[in-house]
Amino acid sequence: MTSEFDFDTIVPRRGTGSYKWDTPSDPATLPLWVADMDFRTAPAIIDALRRRVDHGIFGYTYVGEDYYKAVCEWFASQHGLEIDPQWIIYTSGVVPAVSAIIKALTSPGDKVITQTPAYNCFFSSIRNDECILASNPLLHDSNGRYTIDFDNLESLAEDPACKVLILCNPHNPSGRCWTPDELHRVGEICLKNGVFVIADEIHCELTFDGHRYTPFASISHEFALNSATCISPSKAFNIAGLQIANIVAPDPKIRAKIDRAININEVCDVNPFGVVATVAAYTEGDPWLQALKRYLWDNYLWLRETIALEIPQYRLTPLEATYLAWLDITPSDLTSEKLSERLLSHRLMLNAGTMYGAEGEGFIRINLATPRKILEEAVAILLSVLKSIG
């Protein structure tokens, strides 16, 4: 795996205040759980941050025209999504963004639809805004691929209490990259029933093997007006700790409500490093991103081949997007929680599928965004435990 960028060097993270590495109590534990990467970010971002640090003054941040220009030009050139800078509301992260949009557009007791298994923070955002989860379980076919249950989605959307759909595009944890046709059906159902779409598109850069991310708002003008898109360079460029994200809301009345909720939630300020990193990522980071995606895809292929060879009774879900592998562990006859506990006792920390809702039972999630040597060590533990079960 040759590249002008180095993804093989192991950068020690334990003892650096890393949530991923410093959470396990045993320092020998390999943590392939929370979704951040064990790679240094793009050199262009590091250089931009270094120049900002050298300035030495870190007062309140003014977000300038270069920021909006970088965001708009990136999404136009990379993804065909034309964004008016006036549509952008910046905030500290995609989770605060989702939470604020729910607050803006619902009342306590309203229902929020999401496809399950789903990113666990969706559940807390719905709960914290005093709404009720309306689960639209994904269908799981014989090849392990997930699809949307449109009949169930339409039934949920027809309920007047359902005000909002959280659409994860691409989807975490299933790894699906929704097609334009699938997104069109979602948009039609929601538009017909007055359900507003919150499109969490944080994983949008991380698509693989011929799959292409389609922004939900790019499908039609009507869908754009009936949606707010949450985006951030944090996942693709490994800068989540810099706390920066954007909400793109084309409808001015909706945007005003969201802006008010952002201020009520006190997540209307961002730090200078997030701004600098975003500009650098979107103007200079693409060569690094392309190399990263090749490395991640090779890690996935290696994992898929290893599982097929060593434990063929277990099935890895086809990966179209994200760097999060989703493994069906039902042959173990253990619950996801029990297996994750057993793995942790063997010094491997993975996510139990039930973290993502009841529909995640029988699965574990594996973070592939780590140097191959670490992945090999982690998978050796996984194989040993699963083979010992039989």
Protein backbone atom coordinates (compact mmCIF):
# COMPACT_ATOMS: atom_id res chain seq x y z
CA MET A 1 0.00 0.00 0.00
CA THR A 2 2.23 2.77 -1.31
CA SER A 3 1.22 6.39 -0.98
CA GLU A 4 2.82 9.79 -0.69
CA PHE A 5 1.01 9.96 2.64
CA ASP A 6 1.83 7.75 5.62
CA PHE A 7 -1.02 5.73 7.12
CA ASP A 8 1.11 2.83 8.38
CA THR A 9 3.06 4.61 11.10
CA ILE A 10 1.53 4.01 14.52
CA VAL A 11 1.04 7.33 16.28
CA PRO A 12 0.82 6.76 20.06
CA ARG A 13 -2.50 8.16 21.27
CA ARG A 14 -2.81 6.73 24.77
CA GLY A 15 -2.17 9.40 27.39
CA THR A 16 -3.04 12.24 25.00
CA GLY A 17 -6.58 12.79 26.25
CA SER A 18 -7.96 10.55 23.51
CA TYR A 19 -11.51 9.46 24.24
CA LYS A 20 -10.95 6.43 22.04
CA TRP A 21 -7.66 5.25 23.58
CA ASP A 22 -7.84 6.56 27.15
CA THR A 23 -11.31 5.21 27.96
CA PRO A 24 -10.25 1.53 28.37
CA SER A 25 -8.90 0.99 31.89
CA ASP A 26 -6.40 -1.62 30.69
CA PRO A 27 -3.63 0.16 28.74
CA ALA A 28 -3.06 -2.98 26.66
CA THR A 29 -6.58 -2.82 25.19
CA LEU A 30 -6.90 -2.18 21.46
CA PRO A 31 -9.84 0.21 20.94
CA LEU A 32 -11.56 -0.13 17.57
CA TRP A 33 -14.82 1.38 18.73
CA VAL A 34 -15.59 5.13 18.65
CA ALA A 35 -15.52 6.60 15.13
CA ASP A 36 -12.32 8.55 14.90
CA MET A 37 -9.18 7.58 13.03
CA ASP A 38 -5.68 6.69 14.25
CA PHE A 39 -4.05 8.66 11.42
CA ARG A 40 -2.60 12.14 11.52
CA THR A 41 -4.79 14.47 9.52
CA ALA A 42 -3.81 15.92 6.14
CA PRO A 43 -0.45 17.73 6.17
CA ALA A 44 -2.15 20.79 4.65
CA ILE A 45 -4.42 21.00 7.69
CA ILE A 46 -1.53 20.56 10.14
CA ASP A 47 0.42 23.29 8.37
CA ALA A 48 -2.55 25.67 8.45
CA LEU A 49 -3.10 25.00 12.15
CA ARG A 50 0.60 25.51 12.87
CA ARG A 51 0.50 28.92 11.21
CA ARG A 52 -2.57 29.81 13.28
CA VAL A 53 -0.86 28.67 16.50
CA ASP A 54 2.23 30.71 15.65
CA HIS A 55 0.05 33.82 15.60
CA GLY A 56 -0.42 33.23 19.32
CA ILE A 57 -3.74 34.99 19.93
CA PHE A 58 -6.90 32.94 20.22
CA GLY A 59 -9.77 35.34 20.84
CA TYR A 60 -13.39 35.08 19.79
CA THR A 61 -13.69 33.79 16.24
CA TYR A 62 -15.02 35.69 13.24
CA VAL A 63 -16.01 33.32 10.46
CA GLY A 64 -14.98 35.04 7.27
CA GLU A 65 -15.82 34.85 3.59
CA ASP A 66 -13.00 32.37 2.89
CA TYR A 67 -14.75 29.82 5.10
CA TYR A 68 -18.07 30.03 3.25
CA LYS A 69 -16.28 30.04 -0.11
CA ALA A 70 -14.35 26.87 0.78
CA VAL A 71 -17.50 25.02 1.90
CA CYS A 72 -19.56 26.06 -1.12
CA GLU A 73 -16.88 25.38 -3.71
CA TRP A 74 -16.05 21.96 -2.24
CA PHE A 75 -19.64 20.73 -2.31
CA ALA A 76 -20.24 22.15 -5.78
CA SER A 77 -17.11 20.62 -7.31
CA GLN A 78 -17.03 17.34 -5.38
CA HIS A 79 -20.72 16.53 -4.99
CA GLY A 80 -22.74 18.70 -7.36
CA LEU A 81 -24.52 20.49 -4.52
CA GLU A 82 -24.88 24.23 -5.07
CA ILE A 83 -25.01 26.03 -1.71
CA ASP A 84 -25.78 29.71 -1.21
CA PRO A 85 -23.49 30.96 1.60
CA GLN A 86 -26.55 32.52 3.24
CA TRP A 87 -27.97 29.03 3.77
CA ILE A 88 -25.11 28.03 6.09
CA ILE A 89 -25.34 28.07 9.88
CA TYR A 90 -22.08 27.01 11.53
CA THR A 91 -22.05 25.21 14.86
CA SER A 92 -19.84 23.03 17.04
CA GLY A 93 -20.77 19.60 15.68
CA VAL A 94 -23.28 17.52 13.76
CA VAL A 95 -24.91 16.13 16.93
CA PRO A 96 -25.62 19.63 18.32
CA ALA A 97 -26.86 20.51 14.83
CA VAL A 98 -29.32 17.60 14.72
CA SER A 99 -30.50 18.34 18.24
CA ALA A 100 -31.07 22.02 17.47
CA ILE A 101 -33.05 21.25 14.30
CA ILE A 102 -35.30 18.86 16.21
CA LYS A 103 -35.83 21.54 18.85
CA ALA A 104 -36.64 24.10 16.17
CA LEU A 105 -39.22 22.03 14.33
CA THR A 106 -40.97 19.90 16.95
CA SER A 107 -42.89 20.18 20.17
CA PRO A 108 -42.57 17.82 23.15
CA GLY A 109 -44.38 14.58 22.40
CA ASP A 110 -43.87 14.75 18.63
CA LYS A 111 -42.36 11.76 16.86
CA VAL A 112 -39.06 11.61 14.99
CA ILE A 113 -38.45 8.86 12.44
CA THR A 114 -35.06 7.29 11.87
CA GLN A 115 -33.83 4.15 10.12
CA THR A 116 -32.57 1.60 12.61
CA PRO A 117 -30.02 0.37 13.49
CA ALA A 118 -29.02 4.02 13.82
CA TYR A 119 -26.22 6.18 15.14
CA ASN A 120 -26.77 6.13 18.90
CA CYS A 121 -26.65 9.91 19.38
CA PHE A 122 -29.84 10.21 17.33
CA PHE A 123 -31.64 8.50 20.20
CA SER A 124 -30.31 10.91 22.80
CA SER A 125 -31.08 13.95 20.62
CA ILE A 126 -34.67 12.79 20.21
CA ARG A 127 -34.99 12.07 23.93
CA ASN A 128 -33.35 15.32 25.02
CA ASP A 129 -35.77 17.32 22.89
CA GLU A 130 -38.66 15.45 24.58
CA CYS A 131 -39.72 13.70 21.39
CA ILE A 132 -40.54 10.06 20.71
CA LEU A 133 -38.54 7.74 18.46
CA ALA A 134 -40.49 6.24 15.54
CA SER A 135 -38.27 3.42 14.29
CA ASN A 136 -38.16 2.54 10.60
CA PRO A 137 -36.15 -0.71 10.74
CA LEU A 138 -33.97 -1.37 7.73
CA LEU A 139 -34.51 -4.57 5.77
CA HIS A 140 -31.60 -7.03 5.78
CA ASP A 141 -31.34 -9.30 2.72
CA SER A 142 -29.70 -12.70 2.27
CA ASN A 143 -26.46 -11.07 1.09
CA GLY A 144 -26.24 -8.98 4.25
CA ARG A 145 -27.13 -5.74 2.46
CA TYR A 146 -29.50 -3.24 4.06
CA THR A 147 -32.37 -1.47 2.31
CA ILE A 148 -35.11 0.92 3.41
CA ASP A 149 -38.55 -0.46 4.22
CA PHE A 150 -40.51 2.11 2.25
CA ASP A 151 -43.92 0.65 3.12
CA ASN A 152 -43.16 1.03 6.80
CA LEU A 153 -41.69 4.50 6.24
CA GLU A 154 -44.85 5.63 4.48
CA SER A 155 -47.02 4.23 7.26
CA LEU A 156 -44.99 6.13 9.86
CA ALA A 157 -44.98 9.34 7.82
CA GLU A 158 -48.77 9.27 7.58
CA ASP A 159 -48.98 9.66 11.37
CA PRO A 160 -49.61 13.39 12.01
CA ALA A 161 -47.43 13.16 15.12
CA CYS A 162 -44.38 12.34 12.98
CA LYS A 163 -42.81 15.70 12.20
CA VAL A 164 -39.20 14.88 11.30
CA LEU A 165 -37.09 12.16 9.70
CA ILE A 166 -33.39 11.88 10.54
CA LEU A 167 -31.78 10.49 7.40
CA CYS A 168 -28.21 9.21 7.81
CA ASN A 169 -26.67 9.52 4.33
CA PRO A 170 -24.38 7.54 4.03
CA HIS A 171 -25.73 5.33 6.77
CA ASN A 172 -23.97 4.46 10.03
CA PRO A 173 -23.68 1.62 11.06
CA SER A 174 -24.92 -0.33 8.01
CA GLY A 175 -22.37 1.19 5.64
CA ARG A 176 -24.97 1.86 2.94
CA CYS A 177 -24.53 4.68 0.44
CA TRP A 178 -28.12 5.49 -0.49
CA THR A 179 -28.78 5.70 -4.23
CA PRO A 180 -30.53 8.65 -5.93
CA ASP A 181 -33.61 6.45 -6.44
CA GLU A 182 -33.75 5.53 -2.76
CA LEU A 183 -33.32 9.15 -1.71
CA HIS A 184 -36.02 10.23 -4.17
CA ARG A 185 -38.50 7.78 -2.64
CA VAL A 186 -37.66 9.02 0.85
CA GLY A 187 -38.10 12.62 -0.27
CA GLU A 188 -41.44 11.97 -1.97
CA ILE A 189 -42.86 10.19 1.08
CA CYS A 190 -41.74 12.96 3.42
CA LEU A 191 -42.90 15.80 1.18
CA LYS A 192 -46.32 14.22 0.67
CA ASN A 193 -46.83 13.79 4.42
CA GLY A 194 -45.31 17.03 5.70
CA VAL A 195 -42.32 15.32 7.34
CA PHE A 196 -39.16 17.45 7.43
CA VAL A 197 -35.85 15.73 6.60
CA ILE A 198 -32.72 16.22 8.69
CA ALA A 199 -29.94 14.82 6.49
CA ASP A 200 -26.91 13.83 8.55
CA GLU A 201 -24.27 13.61 5.83
CA ILE A 202 -21.14 13.63 8.00
CA HIS A 203 -19.76 10.49 6.29
CA CYS A 204 -20.32 11.91 2.80
CA GLU A 205 -16.66 11.88 1.71
CA LEU A 206 -16.08 8.26 2.68
CA THR A 207 -17.58 6.23 -0.15
CA PHE A 208 -15.98 3.19 -1.83
CA ASP A 209 -15.92 0.73 -4.71
CA GLY A 210 -17.94 2.62 -7.30
CA HIS A 211 -20.51 4.02 -4.89
CA ARG A 212 -21.16 7.74 -5.04
CA TYR A 213 -22.62 9.96 -2.32
CA THR A 214 -25.68 11.89 -3.44
CA PRO A 215 -26.64 14.89 -1.28
CA PHE A 216 -30.31 14.58 -0.38
CA ALA A 217 -30.82 18.28 -1.11
CA SER A 218 -29.46 17.84 -4.64
CA ILE A 219 -32.32 15.56 -5.71
CA SER A 220 -34.82 18.40 -6.19
CA HIS A 221 -35.49 22.00 -5.20
CA GLU A 222 -38.57 20.88 -3.27
CA PHE A 223 -36.56 18.35 -1.28
CA ALA A 224 -33.91 20.99 -0.53
CA LEU A 225 -36.55 23.33 0.90
CA ASN A 226 -38.01 20.50 2.98
CA SER A 227 -34.65 19.59 4.51
CA ALA A 228 -31.63 20.75 6.45
CA THR A 229 -28.29 19.10 5.71
CA CYS A 230 -25.69 18.60 8.44
CA ILE A 231 -22.11 18.40 7.18
CA SER A 232 -18.61 18.55 8.61
CA PRO A 233 -15.05 17.72 7.57
CA SER A 234 -14.57 16.07 10.97
CA LYS A 235 -15.02 12.40 9.98
CA ALA A 236 -13.18 12.40 6.65
CA PHE A 237 -10.25 14.51 7.86
CA ASN A 238 -10.09 13.24 11.47
CA ILE A 239 -10.64 16.62 13.12
CA ALA A 240 -13.66 15.89 15.34
CA GLY A 241 -11.88 17.43 18.35
CA LEU A 242 -11.81 20.80 16.59
CA GLN A 243 -15.62 20.96 16.87
CA ILE A 244 -16.89 22.42 13.63
CA ALA A 245 -19.96 21.63 11.51
CA ASN A 246 -22.45 23.32 9.22
CA ILE A 247 -26.19 23.24 8.76
CA VAL A 248 -27.38 23.99 5.22
CA ALA A 249 -31.01 25.17 5.31
CA PRO A 250 -32.29 26.74 2.05
CA ASP A 251 -35.74 27.75 3.35
CA PRO A 252 -35.33 31.13 5.09
CA LYS A 253 -38.19 30.60 7.55
CA ILE A 254 -36.87 27.19 8.55
CA ARG A 255 -33.35 28.59 8.75
CA ALA A 256 -34.47 31.35 11.13
CA LYS A 257 -36.06 28.77 13.44
CA ILE A 258 -32.91 26.63 13.40
CA ASP A 259 -30.71 29.65 14.04
CA ARG A 260 -32.84 30.52 17.05
CA ALA A 261 -32.55 26.95 18.39
CA ILE A 262 -28.77 26.99 17.88
CA ASN A 263 -28.62 30.09 20.06
CA ILE A 264 -30.99 28.63 22.67
CA ASN A 265 -28.74 25.56 22.88
CA GLU A 266 -25.68 27.84 23.14
CA VAL A 267 -23.81 26.10 20.31
CA CYS A 268 -23.50 29.16 18.08
CA ASP A 269 -19.77 29.77 18.63
CA VAL A 270 -16.88 27.86 17.08
CA ASN A 271 -13.16 27.91 17.71
CA PRO A 272 -10.53 29.33 15.35
CA PHE A 273 -8.86 25.97 14.76
CA GLY A 274 -12.06 24.40 13.42
CA VAL A 275 -12.48 27.26 10.98
CA VAL A 276 -8.86 27.11 9.79
CA ALA A 277 -8.97 23.32 9.46
CA THR A 278 -12.18 23.39 7.44
CA VAL A 279 -10.77 25.88 4.94
CA ALA A 280 -7.57 23.86 4.58
CA ALA A 281 -9.44 20.56 4.23
CA TYR A 282 -11.75 21.82 1.51
CA THR A 283 -9.11 23.76 -0.44
CA GLU A 284 -5.99 21.58 -0.10
CA GLY A 285 -7.00 18.25 1.45
CA ASP A 286 -8.32 16.23 -1.49
CA PRO A 287 -5.08 14.37 -2.42
CA TRP A 288 -4.74 13.16 1.18
CA LEU A 289 -8.42 12.18 1.29
CA GLN A 290 -8.14 10.08 -1.86
CA ALA A 291 -5.10 8.27 -0.46
CA LEU A 292 -6.93 7.72 2.83
CA LYS A 293 -9.89 6.14 1.06
CA ARG A 294 -7.61 3.72 -0.77
CA TYR A 295 -6.02 2.70 2.53
CA LEU A 296 -9.40 2.25 4.24
CA TRP A 297 -10.70 0.18 1.34
CA ASP A 298 -7.63 -2.07 1.47
CA ASN A 299 -8.22 -2.55 5.20
CA TYR A 300 -11.80 -3.56 4.50
CA LEU A 301 -10.80 -6.00 1.76
CA TRP A 302 -8.20 -7.56 4.05
CA LEU A 303 -10.77 -7.94 6.84
CA ARG A 304 -13.36 -9.41 4.47
CA GLU A 305 -10.90 -11.94 3.07
CA THR A 306 -9.62 -12.88 6.52
CA ILE A 307 -13.10 -13.52 7.88
CA ALA A 308 -14.08 -15.52 4.78
CA LEU A 309 -10.97 -17.68 5.19
CA GLU A 310 -10.82 -18.08 8.96
CA ILE A 311 -14.44 -17.93 10.15
CA PRO A 312 -16.64 -18.30 7.05
CA GLN A 313 -19.77 -18.86 9.12
CA TYR A 314 -19.62 -15.19 10.13
CA ARG A 315 -20.72 -12.56 7.64
CA LEU A 316 -19.35 -9.08 7.09
CA THR A 317 -21.89 -6.59 5.76
CA PRO A 318 -20.89 -5.19 2.32
CA LEU A 319 -19.24 -1.81 2.87
CA GLU A 320 -20.26 1.00 0.55
CA ALA A 321 -19.35 3.96 2.77
CA THR A 322 -17.90 4.95 6.17
CA TYR A 323 -14.89 3.22 7.75
CA LEU A 324 -17.07 1.16 10.08
CA ALA A 325 -17.37 -2.57 9.43
CA TRP A 326 -20.58 -4.28 10.57
CA LEU A 327 -20.12 -7.96 11.44
CA ASP A 328 -22.98 -10.44 11.87
CA ILE A 329 -22.06 -12.49 14.94
CA THR A 330 -25.25 -14.56 15.25
CA PRO A 331 -23.36 -17.88 14.77
CA SER A 332 -21.74 -17.25 18.16
CA ASP A 333 -25.13 -17.63 19.93
CA LEU A 334 -24.06 -14.71 22.14
CA THR A 335 -25.78 -11.39 22.40
CA SER A 336 -23.88 -8.45 21.01
CA GLU A 337 -23.36 -7.14 24.53
CA LYS A 338 -22.05 -10.46 25.84
CA LEU A 339 -19.63 -10.84 22.96
CA SER A 340 -18.35 -7.28 23.32
CA GLU A 341 -17.79 -7.95 27.05
CA ARG A 342 -15.87 -11.13 26.25
CA LEU A 343 -13.75 -9.32 23.68
CA LEU A 344 -13.00 -6.57 26.17
CA SER A 345 -11.79 -9.17 28.67
CA HIS A 346 -9.34 -10.21 25.93
CA ARG A 347 -8.27 -6.58 25.46
CA LEU A 348 -10.25 -5.69 22.36
CA MET A 349 -12.87 -2.93 22.53
CA LEU A 350 -15.57 -2.97 19.86
CA ASN A 351 -19.12 -1.60 19.79
CA ALA A 352 -22.02 -3.92 20.57
CA GLY A 353 -24.65 -3.67 17.87
CA THR A 354 -27.38 -2.91 20.39
CA MET A 355 -25.77 0.48 20.98
CA TYR A 356 -27.53 1.36 17.72
CA GLY A 357 -30.95 0.10 18.76
CA ALA A 358 -32.66 -3.25 19.10
CA GLU A 359 -32.16 -3.90 15.39
CA GLY A 360 -28.42 -3.99 16.01
CA GLU A 361 -28.67 -7.18 18.03
CA GLY A 362 -26.47 -9.90 16.56
CA PHE A 363 -23.83 -7.48 15.25
CA ILE A 364 -20.66 -5.74 16.33
CA ARG A 365 -19.11 -2.61 14.79
CA ILE A 366 -15.39 -2.50 13.96
CA ASN A 367 -13.49 0.73 13.24
CA LEU A 368 -11.21 0.13 10.25
CA ALA A 369 -9.48 3.52 10.40
CA THR A 370 -6.26 2.37 11.97
CA PRO A 371 -2.83 1.27 10.73
CA ARG A 372 -2.88 -2.25 9.31
CA LYS A 373 -0.62 -3.59 12.06
CA ILE A 374 -3.13 -2.54 14.75
CA LEU A 375 -6.01 -3.95 12.71
CA GLU A 376 -4.18 -7.26 12.34
CA GLU A 377 -3.54 -7.48 16.08
CA ALA A 378 -7.16 -6.65 16.85
CA VAL A 379 -8.55 -9.14 14.35
CA ALA A 380 -6.28 -11.87 15.74
CA ILE A 381 -8.00 -11.38 19.09
CA LEU A 382 -11.43 -11.36 17.44
CA LEU A 383 -10.70 -14.59 15.57
CA SER A 384 -9.33 -16.28 18.65
CA VAL A 385 -12.43 -15.46 20.69
CA LEU A 386 -14.91 -16.42 17.97
CA LYS A 387 -13.09 -19.70 17.22
CA SER A 388 -13.09 -20.56 20.94
CA ILE A 389 -16.86 -20.21 20.96
CA GLY A 390 -17.20 -22.65 18.08
